[in-house]
Amino acid sequence: MEYDASAIGSVIRQQRKLRNMSQEVLSGLAGIARTHLTMIETGSKQANFETLWKIALALDMRPCKLVEEIEIYMLSNRDQKHG
């Protein structure tokens, strides 16, 4: 499976919206700038492991669960592309 940088942002955005959280609230809970979160969600900036950890906890998720959701998303998109 190839790495898909945009998948991380898509999953974070999806999880944030499932919880009815704004970028302002999530970034505040994670201790990162809202602009940083925006760039992660749009795929224009890569999140390092520490940032992913903080975001996962702010989403009330275990970090491994966030990574699992990203993997599921990537597999789903791969399957759709290769139909």
C-alpha atoms as a PDB file:
ATOM      1  CA  MET A   1       0.000   0.000   0.000  1.00  0.00           C
ATOM      2  CA  GLU A   2       1.385   3.376  -0.986  1.00  0.00           C
ATOM      3  CA  TYR A   3       1.516   6.236   1.478  1.00  0.00           C
ATOM      4  CA  ASP A   4      -1.214   8.791   0.830  1.00  0.00           C
ATOM      5  CA  ALA A   5      -0.556  12.121   2.538  1.00  0.00           C
ATOM      6  CA  SER A   6      -4.035  13.443   1.815  1.00  0.00           C
ATOM      7  CA  ALA A   7      -5.607  10.469   3.624  1.00  0.00           C
ATOM      8  CA  ILE A   8      -4.399  11.722   7.002  1.00  0.00           C
ATOM      9  CA  GLY A   9      -6.076  15.090   6.588  1.00  0.00           C
ATOM     10  CA  SER A  10      -9.246  13.547   5.210  1.00  0.00           C
ATOM     11  CA  VAL A  11      -9.585  11.193   8.168  1.00  0.00           C
ATOM     12  CA  ILE A  12      -8.848  13.907  10.716  1.00  0.00           C
ATOM     13  CA  ARG A  13     -11.464  16.165   9.093  1.00  0.00           C
ATOM     14  CA  GLN A  14     -13.950  13.277   9.003  1.00  0.00           C
ATOM     15  CA  GLN A  15     -13.383  12.418  12.672  1.00  0.00           C
ATOM     16  CA  ARG A  16     -13.611  16.089  13.673  1.00  0.00           C
ATOM     17  CA  LYS A  17     -16.906  16.529  11.838  1.00  0.00           C
ATOM     18  CA  LEU A  18     -18.321  13.303  13.328  1.00  0.00           C
ATOM     19  CA  ARG A  19     -17.793  14.944  16.701  1.00  0.00           C
ATOM     20  CA  ASN A  20     -19.292  18.281  15.558  1.00  0.00           C
ATOM     21  CA  MET A  21     -16.032  20.045  16.383  1.00  0.00           C
ATOM     22  CA  SER A  22     -14.738  23.137  14.675  1.00  0.00           C
ATOM     23  CA  GLN A  23     -11.120  23.448  13.621  1.00  0.00           C
ATOM     24  CA  GLU A  24     -10.778  26.100  16.322  1.00  0.00           C
ATOM     25  CA  VAL A  25     -11.920  23.708  19.061  1.00  0.00           C
ATOM     26  CA  LEU A  26      -9.866  20.739  17.862  1.00  0.00           C
ATOM     27  CA  SER A  27      -6.711  22.768  17.394  1.00  0.00           C
ATOM     28  CA  GLY A  28      -7.158  24.300  20.852  1.00  0.00           C
ATOM     29  CA  LEU A  29      -7.614  20.894  22.480  1.00  0.00           C
ATOM     30  CA  ALA A  30      -4.603  19.538  20.584  1.00  0.00           C
ATOM     31  CA  GLY A  31      -2.444  22.554  21.422  1.00  0.00           C
ATOM     32  CA  ILE A  32      -1.661  23.425  17.815  1.00  0.00           C
ATOM     33  CA  ALA A  33      -2.439  26.484  15.703  1.00  0.00           C
ATOM     34  CA  ARG A  34      -5.711  26.390  13.766  1.00  0.00           C
ATOM     35  CA  THR A  35      -3.800  27.255  10.594  1.00  0.00           C
ATOM     36  CA  HIS A  36      -1.550  24.234  11.196  1.00  0.00           C
ATOM     37  CA  LEU A  37      -4.617  21.983  11.529  1.00  0.00           C
ATOM     38  CA  THR A  38      -6.090  23.487   8.355  1.00  0.00           C
ATOM     39  CA  MET A  39      -2.900  22.700   6.431  1.00  0.00           C
ATOM     40  CA  ILE A  40      -2.898  19.116   7.781  1.00  0.00           C
ATOM     41  CA  GLU A  41      -6.550  18.628   6.819  1.00  0.00           C
ATOM     42  CA  THR A  42      -5.975  19.936   3.294  1.00  0.00           C
ATOM     43  CA  GLY A  43      -2.838  17.847   2.858  1.00  0.00           C
ATOM     44  CA  SER A  44      -0.560  20.833   2.311  1.00  0.00           C
ATOM     45  CA  LYS A  45       1.415  20.044   5.485  1.00  0.00           C
ATOM     46  CA  GLN A  46       2.553  16.733   6.932  1.00  0.00           C
ATOM     47  CA  ALA A  47       1.767  16.038  10.589  1.00  0.00           C
ATOM     48  CA  ASN A  48       4.570  14.510  12.615  1.00  0.00           C
ATOM     49  CA  PHE A  49       3.927  11.711  15.073  1.00  0.00           C
ATOM     50  CA  GLU A  50       3.658  14.027  18.089  1.00  0.00           C
ATOM     51  CA  THR A  51       1.052  16.148  16.319  1.00  0.00           C
ATOM     52  CA  LEU A  52      -0.954  13.089  15.271  1.00  0.00           C
ATOM     53  CA  TRP A  53      -0.806  11.879  18.888  1.00  0.00           C
ATOM     54  CA  LYS A  54      -2.131  15.224  20.166  1.00  0.00           C
ATOM     55  CA  ILE A  55      -4.891  15.327  17.562  1.00  0.00           C
ATOM     56  CA  ALA A  56      -5.961  11.765  18.355  1.00  0.00           C
ATOM     57  CA  LEU A  57      -6.205  12.535  22.071  1.00  0.00           C
ATOM     58  CA  ALA A  58      -8.103  15.753  21.328  1.00  0.00           C
ATOM     59  CA  LEU A  59     -10.547  13.641  19.290  1.00  0.00           C
ATOM     60  CA  ASP A  60     -10.851  11.321  22.305  1.00  0.00           C
ATOM     61  CA  MET A  61      -9.260   8.492  20.324  1.00  0.00           C
ATOM     62  CA  ARG A  62      -6.322   6.252  20.993  1.00  0.00           C
ATOM     63  CA  PRO A  63      -3.537   7.221  18.572  1.00  0.00           C
ATOM     64  CA  CYS A  64      -3.458   3.655  17.219  1.00  0.00           C
ATOM     65  CA  LYS A  65      -7.176   3.948  16.399  1.00  0.00           C
ATOM     66  CA  LEU A  66      -6.566   7.131  14.406  1.00  0.00           C
ATOM     67  CA  VAL A  67      -3.781   5.380  12.477  1.00  0.00           C
ATOM     68  CA  GLU A  68      -6.095   2.408  11.898  1.00  0.00           C
ATOM     69  CA  GLU A  69      -8.803   4.728  10.524  1.00  0.00           C
ATOM     70  CA  ILE A  70      -6.229   6.276   8.177  1.00  0.00           C
ATOM     71  CA  GLU A  71      -5.186   2.813   6.994  1.00  0.00           C
ATOM     72  CA  ILE A  72      -8.808   1.782   6.408  1.00  0.00           C
ATOM     73  CA  TYR A  73      -9.406   4.983   4.436  1.00  0.00           C
ATOM     74  CA  MET A  74      -6.301   4.376   2.315  1.00  0.00           C
ATOM     75  CA  LEU A  75      -7.277   0.751   1.629  1.00  0.00           C
ATOM     76  CA  SER A  76     -10.802   1.793   0.718  1.00  0.00           C
ATOM     77  CA  ASN A  77      -9.556   4.415  -1.717  1.00  0.00           C
ATOM     78  CA  ARG A  78      -7.051   1.974  -3.222  1.00  0.00           C
ATOM     79  CA  ASP A  79      -9.792  -0.577  -3.761  1.00  0.00           C
ATOM     80  CA  GLN A  80     -12.036   2.033  -5.391  1.00  0.00           C
ATOM     81  CA  LYS A  81      -9.230   3.099  -7.746  1.00  0.00           C
ATOM     82  CA  HIS A  82      -8.398  -0.469  -8.723  1.00  0.00           C
ATOM     83  CA  GLY A  83     -12.062  -1.500  -8.789  1.00  0.00           C
END
